[in-house]
Amino acid sequence: MKYSEIFYSIQGEGQLIGYPSVFFRTSYCNLRCIWCDTPYTSWEPEDKDISVEDAVDAILAHNCKQVVITGGEPFMQPKDLTILCHRLRQNGKHITIETNGTLFERVEADLLSISPKLENSNPSEFNHHFKQHQRNRINQEVLRQFLDYYNCQLKFVVETERDLFEIHQLETEMQIPTSIIVLMPQGITNDQIQERQNWVVETCKKYGYRYSPRLHVDIWGDTRGT
């Protein structure tokens, strides 16, 4: 598999926040978010290889129940991802897959943490990735498959109140349960997150969404392997 890193930390976002977790970060992504906090998996992806067997051994070495498969975009490697999840499930692991929700494959997983990309993720219109990103960042057909097949949370990265229109539209069109919608302020530093968190919290209170901080950023800042 193409991957970037394997590390042991705590889950910093979403409904399982705070749980000790082993992270397996795949490399390569089909989107190009302007604020991507792991550009070494997308804009300039690291080209390291690991076999599924070696990945499983490295994950199991931490003796941790929670495993988070993230990226990049894990579903860009569907065959290997399917085998990886099966091997981890055989070993009794709870599997979370973090995905942008644009590619679908049926794999064994306990939670799909889906982060549909809003317009605020668009690179500059002068960037050659712009048209591809804008065209592919939301795929309702794929989202429907995930929602029908998996236990899901939909985690939206928000910058301003303008982002709420897209969220409300998607929620209404797809009849997404309010209880699985999570809002998270965009930011890769504490200052960036703090300047947005108050209005995001008030928005969650108003509409019944769930608020998520970025706990790993609070603790370690914008640091790899955390």
C-alpha atoms as a PDB file:
ATOM      1  CA  MET A   1       0.000   0.000   0.000  1.00  0.00           C
ATOM      2  CA  LYS A   2       1.041   3.603  -0.502  1.00  0.00           C
ATOM      3  CA  TYR A   3       1.308   5.132   2.948  1.00  0.00           C
ATOM      4  CA  SER A   4       2.805   7.998   4.853  1.00  0.00           C
ATOM      5  CA  GLU A   5       2.979   6.991   8.503  1.00  0.00           C
ATOM      6  CA  ILE A   6       1.817   4.721  11.307  1.00  0.00           C
ATOM      7  CA  PHE A   7       1.640   6.212  14.780  1.00  0.00           C
ATOM      8  CA  TYR A   8      -0.007   5.816  18.187  1.00  0.00           C
ATOM      9  CA  SER A   9      -1.875   8.801  19.585  1.00  0.00           C
ATOM     10  CA  ILE A  10      -5.384   9.792  20.625  1.00  0.00           C
ATOM     11  CA  GLN A  11      -8.347  10.497  18.376  1.00  0.00           C
ATOM     12  CA  GLY A  12      -8.556  14.272  18.180  1.00  0.00           C
ATOM     13  CA  GLU A  13     -11.855  14.733  16.346  1.00  0.00           C
ATOM     14  CA  GLY A  14     -15.431  13.509  16.137  1.00  0.00           C
ATOM     15  CA  GLN A  15     -17.510  11.177  18.263  1.00  0.00           C
ATOM     16  CA  LEU A  16     -14.564   9.032  19.448  1.00  0.00           C
ATOM     17  CA  ILE A  17     -12.458  11.992  20.541  1.00  0.00           C
ATOM     18  CA  GLY A  18      -9.958  11.193  23.269  1.00  0.00           C
ATOM     19  CA  TYR A  19      -9.664   7.446  22.645  1.00  0.00           C
ATOM     20  CA  PRO A  20      -6.118   6.075  22.346  1.00  0.00           C
ATOM     21  CA  SER A  21      -5.819   5.017  18.698  1.00  0.00           C
ATOM     22  CA  VAL A  22      -3.340   3.676  16.205  1.00  0.00           C
ATOM     23  CA  PHE A  23      -3.361   5.725  13.009  1.00  0.00           C
ATOM     24  CA  PHE A  24      -2.484   4.261   9.637  1.00  0.00           C
ATOM     25  CA  ARG A  25      -2.144   7.164   7.208  1.00  0.00           C
ATOM     26  CA  THR A  26      -2.384   6.235   3.558  1.00  0.00           C
ATOM     27  CA  SER A  27      -0.820   8.384   0.870  1.00  0.00           C
ATOM     28  CA  TYR A  28      -2.444   9.886  -2.247  1.00  0.00           C
ATOM     29  CA  CYS A  29      -5.726  11.785  -2.496  1.00  0.00           C
ATOM     30  CA  ASN A  30      -8.142  12.554  -5.331  1.00  0.00           C
ATOM     31  CA  LEU A  31      -8.907  16.057  -3.985  1.00  0.00           C
ATOM     32  CA  ARG A  32      -6.754  19.143  -3.408  1.00  0.00           C
ATOM     33  CA  CYS A  33      -8.132  21.098  -0.464  1.00  0.00           C
ATOM     34  CA  ILE A  34      -6.505  24.506  -0.184  1.00  0.00           C
ATOM     35  CA  TRP A  35      -6.216  24.158   3.604  1.00  0.00           C
ATOM     36  CA  CYS A  36      -5.099  20.503   3.626  1.00  0.00           C
ATOM     37  CA  ASP A  37      -3.124  19.825   6.814  1.00  0.00           C
ATOM     38  CA  THR A  38      -1.423  16.733   5.352  1.00  0.00           C
ATOM     39  CA  PRO A  39      -0.078  17.979   1.995  1.00  0.00           C
ATOM     40  CA  TYR A  40       2.492  15.186   2.101  1.00  0.00           C
ATOM     41  CA  THR A  41      -0.412  12.818   1.286  1.00  0.00           C
ATOM     42  CA  SER A  42      -2.130  14.920  -1.386  1.00  0.00           C
ATOM     43  CA  TRP A  43      -0.431  17.921  -2.976  1.00  0.00           C
ATOM     44  CA  GLU A  44       2.995  16.280  -2.786  1.00  0.00           C
ATOM     45  CA  PRO A  45       2.258  12.683  -1.766  1.00  0.00           C
ATOM     46  CA  GLU A  46       4.968  10.589  -0.222  1.00  0.00           C
ATOM     47  CA  ASP A  47       5.557   7.466  -2.284  1.00  0.00           C
ATOM     48  CA  LYS A  48       6.356   4.917   0.412  1.00  0.00           C
ATOM     49  CA  ASP A  49       5.175   1.307   0.137  1.00  0.00           C
ATOM     50  CA  ILE A  50       4.203  -1.183   2.817  1.00  0.00           C
ATOM     51  CA  SER A  51       2.663  -4.616   2.468  1.00  0.00           C
ATOM     52  CA  VAL A  52      -0.687  -5.282   4.121  1.00  0.00           C
ATOM     53  CA  GLU A  53       0.994  -7.898   6.292  1.00  0.00           C
ATOM     54  CA  ASP A  54       3.645  -5.462   7.527  1.00  0.00           C
ATOM     55  CA  ALA A  55       1.019  -2.774   8.117  1.00  0.00           C
ATOM     56  CA  VAL A  56      -1.058  -5.170  10.214  1.00  0.00           C
ATOM     57  CA  ASP A  57       1.996  -6.204  12.233  1.00  0.00           C
ATOM     58  CA  ALA A  58       2.942  -2.571  12.891  1.00  0.00           C
ATOM     59  CA  ILE A  59      -0.599  -1.714  13.978  1.00  0.00           C
ATOM     60  CA  LEU A  60      -0.953  -4.751  16.230  1.00  0.00           C
ATOM     61  CA  ALA A  61       2.379  -3.986  17.904  1.00  0.00           C
ATOM     62  CA  HIS A  62       0.669  -1.153  19.790  1.00  0.00           C
ATOM     63  CA  ASN A  63      -1.888  -3.451  21.467  1.00  0.00           C
ATOM     64  CA  CYS A  64      -4.636  -0.832  21.050  1.00  0.00           C
ATOM     65  CA  LYS A  65      -8.321  -1.527  20.371  1.00  0.00           C
ATOM     66  CA  GLN A  66      -9.004   1.549  18.220  1.00  0.00           C
ATOM     67  CA  VAL A  67      -7.520   1.747  14.707  1.00  0.00           C
ATOM     68  CA  VAL A  68      -8.013   4.786  12.460  1.00  0.00           C
ATOM     69  CA  ILE A  69      -7.297   4.411   8.753  1.00  0.00           C
ATOM     70  CA  THR A  70      -6.876   7.876   7.316  1.00  0.00           C
ATOM     71  CA  GLY A  71      -5.118   9.695   4.522  1.00  0.00           C
ATOM     72  CA  GLY A  72      -4.897  11.040   1.978  1.00  0.00           C
ATOM     73  CA  GLU A  73      -7.901   9.087   0.770  1.00  0.00           C
ATOM     74  CA  PRO A  74      -7.901   5.420   1.865  1.00  0.00           C
ATOM     75  CA  PHE A  75     -10.509   4.358  -0.709  1.00  0.00           C
ATOM     76  CA  MET A  76      -8.073   5.106  -3.535  1.00  0.00           C
ATOM     77  CA  GLN A  77      -6.558   1.690  -2.682  1.00  0.00           C
ATOM     78  CA  PRO A  78      -9.756  -0.389  -2.429  1.00  0.00           C
ATOM     79  CA  LYS A  79      -8.304  -3.889  -2.865  1.00  0.00           C
ATOM     80  CA  ASP A  80      -5.591  -3.480  -0.233  1.00  0.00           C
ATOM     81  CA  LEU A  81      -7.927  -1.539   2.055  1.00  0.00           C
ATOM     82  CA  THR A  82     -10.417  -4.428   1.948  1.00  0.00           C
ATOM     83  CA  ILE A  83      -7.747  -6.932   2.960  1.00  0.00           C
ATOM     84  CA  LEU A  84      -6.321  -4.634   5.643  1.00  0.00           C
ATOM     85  CA  CYS A  85      -9.713  -4.103   7.266  1.00  0.00           C
ATOM     86  CA  HIS A  86     -10.465  -7.826   7.187  1.00  0.00           C
ATOM     87  CA  ARG A  87      -7.176  -8.687   8.894  1.00  0.00           C
ATOM     88  CA  LEU A  88      -7.712  -6.019  11.540  1.00  0.00           C
ATOM     89  CA  ARG A  89     -11.264  -7.208  12.183  1.00  0.00           C
ATOM     90  CA  GLN A  90      -9.955 -10.766  12.593  1.00  0.00           C
ATOM     91  CA  ASN A  91      -7.758  -9.375  15.361  1.00  0.00           C
ATOM     92  CA  GLY A  92     -10.672  -7.751  17.157  1.00  0.00           C
ATOM     93  CA  LYS A  93      -9.933  -4.129  16.267  1.00  0.00           C
ATOM     94  CA  HIS A  94     -12.472  -1.314  16.141  1.00  0.00           C
ATOM     95  CA  ILE A  95     -11.936   0.286  12.734  1.00  0.00           C
ATOM     96  CA  THR A  96     -12.616   3.909  11.845  1.00  0.00           C
ATOM     97  CA  ILE A  97     -12.004   5.009   8.257  1.00  0.00           C
ATOM     98  CA  GLU A  98     -11.605   8.721   7.600  1.00  0.00           C
ATOM     99  CA  THR A  99     -12.640   9.583   4.046  1.00  0.00           C
ATOM    100  CA  ASN A 100     -13.701  12.516   1.892  1.00  0.00           C
ATOM    101  CA  GLY A 101     -16.761  10.536   0.785  1.00  0.00           C
ATOM    102  CA  THR A 102     -16.151  10.536  -2.963  1.00  0.00           C
ATOM    103  CA  LEU A 103     -15.116   6.893  -3.522  1.00  0.00           C
ATOM    104  CA  PHE A 104     -16.998   3.836  -2.265  1.00  0.00           C
ATOM    105  CA  GLU A 105     -16.021   0.269  -1.510  1.00  0.00           C
ATOM    106  CA  ARG A 106     -17.612  -2.229   0.865  1.00  0.00           C
ATOM    107  CA  VAL A 107     -15.072  -3.008   3.571  1.00  0.00           C
ATOM    108  CA  GLU A 108     -15.259  -4.104   7.190  1.00  0.00           C
ATOM    109  CA  ALA A 109     -15.406  -1.016   9.387  1.00  0.00           C
ATOM    110  CA  ASP A 110     -17.176   0.149  12.529  1.00  0.00           C
ATOM    111  CA  LEU A 111     -17.317   3.881  11.797  1.00  0.00           C
ATOM    112  CA  LEU A 112     -17.023   5.891   8.608  1.00  0.00           C
ATOM    113  CA  SER A 113     -15.857   9.391   9.458  1.00  0.00           C
ATOM    114  CA  ILE A 114     -16.810  11.237   6.293  1.00  0.00           C
ATOM    115  CA  SER A 115     -15.642  14.775   5.619  1.00  0.00           C
ATOM    116  CA  PRO A 116     -17.490  16.133   2.570  1.00  0.00           C
ATOM    117  CA  LYS A 117     -15.555  19.102   1.246  1.00  0.00           C
ATOM    118  CA  LEU A 118     -17.338  22.436   1.119  1.00  0.00           C
ATOM    119  CA  GLU A 119     -16.625  25.289  -1.258  1.00  0.00           C
ATOM    120  CA  ASN A 120     -14.150  26.706   1.256  1.00  0.00           C
ATOM    121  CA  SER A 121     -11.821  23.816   0.338  1.00  0.00           C
ATOM    122  CA  ASN A 122     -11.434  24.921  -3.288  1.00  0.00           C
ATOM    123  CA  PRO A 123      -7.925  25.767  -4.437  1.00  0.00           C
ATOM    124  CA  SER A 124      -7.478  28.994  -6.365  1.00  0.00           C
ATOM    125  CA  GLU A 125      -9.408  29.059  -9.634  1.00  0.00           C
ATOM    126  CA  PHE A 126      -6.077  29.709 -11.318  1.00  0.00           C
ATOM    127  CA  ASN A 127      -4.663  26.438  -9.969  1.00  0.00           C
ATOM    128  CA  HIS A 128      -4.809  23.553 -12.444  1.00  0.00           C
ATOM    129  CA  HIS A 129      -6.456  21.357  -9.751  1.00  0.00           C
ATOM    130  CA  PHE A 130      -9.405  23.726  -9.334  1.00  0.00           C
ATOM    131  CA  LYS A 131     -11.852  22.243 -11.869  1.00  0.00           C
ATOM    132  CA  GLN A 132     -11.209  18.655 -10.833  1.00  0.00           C
ATOM    133  CA  HIS A 133     -11.556  19.453  -7.138  1.00  0.00           C
ATOM    134  CA  GLN A 134     -14.719  21.516  -7.595  1.00  0.00           C
ATOM    135  CA  ARG A 135     -16.284  18.808  -9.760  1.00  0.00           C
ATOM    136  CA  ASN A 136     -15.478  15.906  -7.434  1.00  0.00           C
ATOM    137  CA  ARG A 137     -15.579  17.322  -3.895  1.00  0.00           C
ATOM    138  CA  ILE A 138     -19.222  16.305  -3.257  1.00  0.00           C
ATOM    139  CA  ASN A 139     -20.605  13.000  -4.582  1.00  0.00           C
ATOM    140  CA  GLN A 140     -24.127  12.428  -3.314  1.00  0.00           C
ATOM    141  CA  GLU A 141     -24.368   8.961  -4.867  1.00  0.00           C
ATOM    142  CA  VAL A 142     -21.319   7.800  -2.947  1.00  0.00           C
ATOM    143  CA  LEU A 143     -22.464   9.523   0.243  1.00  0.00           C
ATOM    144  CA  ARG A 144     -25.791   7.695  -0.029  1.00  0.00           C
ATOM    145  CA  GLN A 145     -24.006   4.356  -0.247  1.00  0.00           C
ATOM    146  CA  PHE A 146     -21.954   5.118   2.844  1.00  0.00           C
ATOM    147  CA  LEU A 147     -24.984   6.312   4.799  1.00  0.00           C
ATOM    148  CA  ASP A 148     -27.012   3.226   3.847  1.00  0.00           C
ATOM    149  CA  TYR A 149     -24.287   0.692   4.609  1.00  0.00           C
ATOM    150  CA  TYR A 150     -22.222   2.053   7.509  1.00  0.00           C
ATOM    151  CA  ASN A 151     -22.405   3.727  10.872  1.00  0.00           C
ATOM    152  CA  CYS A 152     -21.340   7.237   9.836  1.00  0.00           C
ATOM    153  CA  GLN A 153     -20.488  10.675  11.084  1.00  0.00           C
ATOM    154  CA  LEU A 154     -20.367  13.580   8.625  1.00  0.00           C
ATOM    155  CA  LYS A 155     -17.685  16.009   9.708  1.00  0.00           C
ATOM    156  CA  PHE A 156     -17.749  19.404   7.999  1.00  0.00           C
ATOM    157  CA  VAL A 157     -14.804  21.786   8.169  1.00  0.00           C
ATOM    158  CA  VAL A 158     -16.251  25.304   8.382  1.00  0.00           C
ATOM    159  CA  GLU A 159     -14.689  28.743   8.036  1.00  0.00           C
ATOM    160  CA  THR A 160     -17.559  31.227   7.924  1.00  0.00           C
ATOM    161  CA  GLU A 161     -21.322  31.237   8.257  1.00  0.00           C
ATOM    162  CA  ARG A 162     -21.558  31.110   4.459  1.00  0.00           C
ATOM    163  CA  ASP A 163     -20.617  27.429   4.720  1.00  0.00           C
ATOM    164  CA  LEU A 164     -23.904  26.651   6.457  1.00  0.00           C
ATOM    165  CA  PHE A 165     -25.894  27.011   3.226  1.00  0.00           C
ATOM    166  CA  GLU A 166     -24.101  24.038   1.666  1.00  0.00           C
ATOM    167  CA  ILE A 167     -24.491  21.975   4.813  1.00  0.00           C
ATOM    168  CA  HIS A 168     -28.216  22.715   5.147  1.00  0.00           C
ATOM    169  CA  GLN A 169     -28.736  21.979   1.458  1.00  0.00           C
ATOM    170  CA  LEU A 170     -26.991  18.621   1.647  1.00  0.00           C
ATOM    171  CA  GLU A 171     -28.756  17.752   4.903  1.00  0.00           C
ATOM    172  CA  THR A 172     -32.161  18.491   3.358  1.00  0.00           C
ATOM    173  CA  GLU A 173     -31.592  16.906  -0.051  1.00  0.00           C
ATOM    174  CA  MET A 174     -30.191  13.687   1.393  1.00  0.00           C
ATOM    175  CA  GLN A 175     -32.276  13.609   4.601  1.00  0.00           C
ATOM    176  CA  ILE A 176     -29.156  13.301   6.712  1.00  0.00           C
ATOM    177  CA  PRO A 177     -29.906  12.869  10.434  1.00  0.00           C
ATOM    178  CA  THR A 178     -28.889  15.970  12.361  1.00  0.00           C
ATOM    179  CA  SER A 179     -27.380  13.753  15.054  1.00  0.00           C
ATOM    180  CA  ILE A 180     -24.530  12.556  12.810  1.00  0.00           C
ATOM    181  CA  ILE A 181     -23.501  16.011  11.555  1.00  0.00           C
ATOM    182  CA  VAL A 182     -20.321  17.326  13.163  1.00  0.00           C
ATOM    183  CA  LEU A 183     -18.932  20.844  12.679  1.00  0.00           C
ATOM    184  CA  MET A 184     -15.268  21.582  13.134  1.00  0.00           C
ATOM    185  CA  PRO A 185     -13.592  24.998  12.739  1.00  0.00           C
ATOM    186  CA  GLN A 186     -11.004  25.132   9.990  1.00  0.00           C
ATOM    187  CA  GLY A 187      -7.512  25.721  11.273  1.00  0.00           C
ATOM    188  CA  ILE A 188      -4.147  24.083  11.752  1.00  0.00           C
ATOM    189  CA  THR A 189      -3.103  26.277  14.681  1.00  0.00           C
ATOM    190  CA  ASN A 190      -4.764  27.000  18.018  1.00  0.00           C
ATOM    191  CA  ASP A 191      -5.201  30.668  17.098  1.00  0.00           C
ATOM    192  CA  GLN A 192      -7.004  29.844  13.847  1.00  0.00           C
ATOM    193  CA  ILE A 193      -9.328  27.416  15.581  1.00  0.00           C
ATOM    194  CA  GLN A 194     -10.061  29.705  18.527  1.00  0.00           C
ATOM    195  CA  GLU A 195     -11.023  32.652  16.350  1.00  0.00           C
ATOM    196  CA  ARG A 196     -13.774  30.539  14.753  1.00  0.00           C
ATOM    197  CA  GLN A 197     -14.857  28.224  17.544  1.00  0.00           C
ATOM    198  CA  ASN A 198     -17.360  30.522  19.289  1.00  0.00           C
ATOM    199  CA  TRP A 199     -19.643  31.010  16.297  1.00  0.00           C
ATOM    200  CA  VAL A 200     -19.291  27.317  15.371  1.00  0.00           C
ATOM    201  CA  VAL A 201     -20.403  26.312  18.877  1.00  0.00           C
ATOM    202  CA  GLU A 202     -23.363  28.710  18.698  1.00  0.00           C
ATOM    203  CA  THR A 203     -24.299  27.236  15.320  1.00  0.00           C
ATOM    204  CA  CYS A 204     -24.236  23.726  16.773  1.00  0.00           C
ATOM    205  CA  LYS A 205     -26.500  24.851  19.615  1.00  0.00           C
ATOM    206  CA  LYS A 206     -28.904  26.459  17.151  1.00  0.00           C
ATOM    207  CA  TYR A 207     -29.246  23.522  14.756  1.00  0.00           C
ATOM    208  CA  GLY A 208     -28.517  20.538  16.993  1.00  0.00           C
ATOM    209  CA  TYR A 209     -25.217  19.610  15.375  1.00  0.00           C
ATOM    210  CA  ARG A 210     -22.248  18.227  17.237  1.00  0.00           C
ATOM    211  CA  TYR A 211     -19.171  20.389  17.810  1.00  0.00           C
ATOM    212  CA  SER A 212     -15.708  18.895  17.477  1.00  0.00           C
ATOM    213  CA  PRO A 213     -12.467  20.546  18.526  1.00  0.00           C
ATOM    214  CA  ARG A 214      -9.112  19.393  17.149  1.00  0.00           C
ATOM    215  CA  LEU A 215      -7.694  17.996  20.356  1.00  0.00           C
ATOM    216  CA  HIS A 216      -4.385  16.920  18.829  1.00  0.00           C
ATOM    217  CA  VAL A 217      -3.791  20.488  17.623  1.00  0.00           C
ATOM    218  CA  ASP A 218      -4.607  21.822  21.097  1.00  0.00           C
ATOM    219  CA  ILE A 219      -1.990  19.520  22.605  1.00  0.00           C
ATOM    220  CA  TRP A 220       0.776  19.247  20.007  1.00  0.00           C
ATOM    221  CA  GLY A 221       0.082  21.910  17.401  1.00  0.00           C
ATOM    222  CA  ASP A 222       0.534  21.220  13.694  1.00  0.00           C
ATOM    223  CA  THR A 223       2.886  18.282  14.187  1.00  0.00           C
ATOM    224  CA  ARG A 224       3.149  15.022  12.287  1.00  0.00           C
ATOM    225  CA  GLY A 225       2.631  11.745  14.097  1.00  0.00           C
ATOM    226  CA  THR A 226       0.135  13.112  16.604  1.00  0.00           C
END
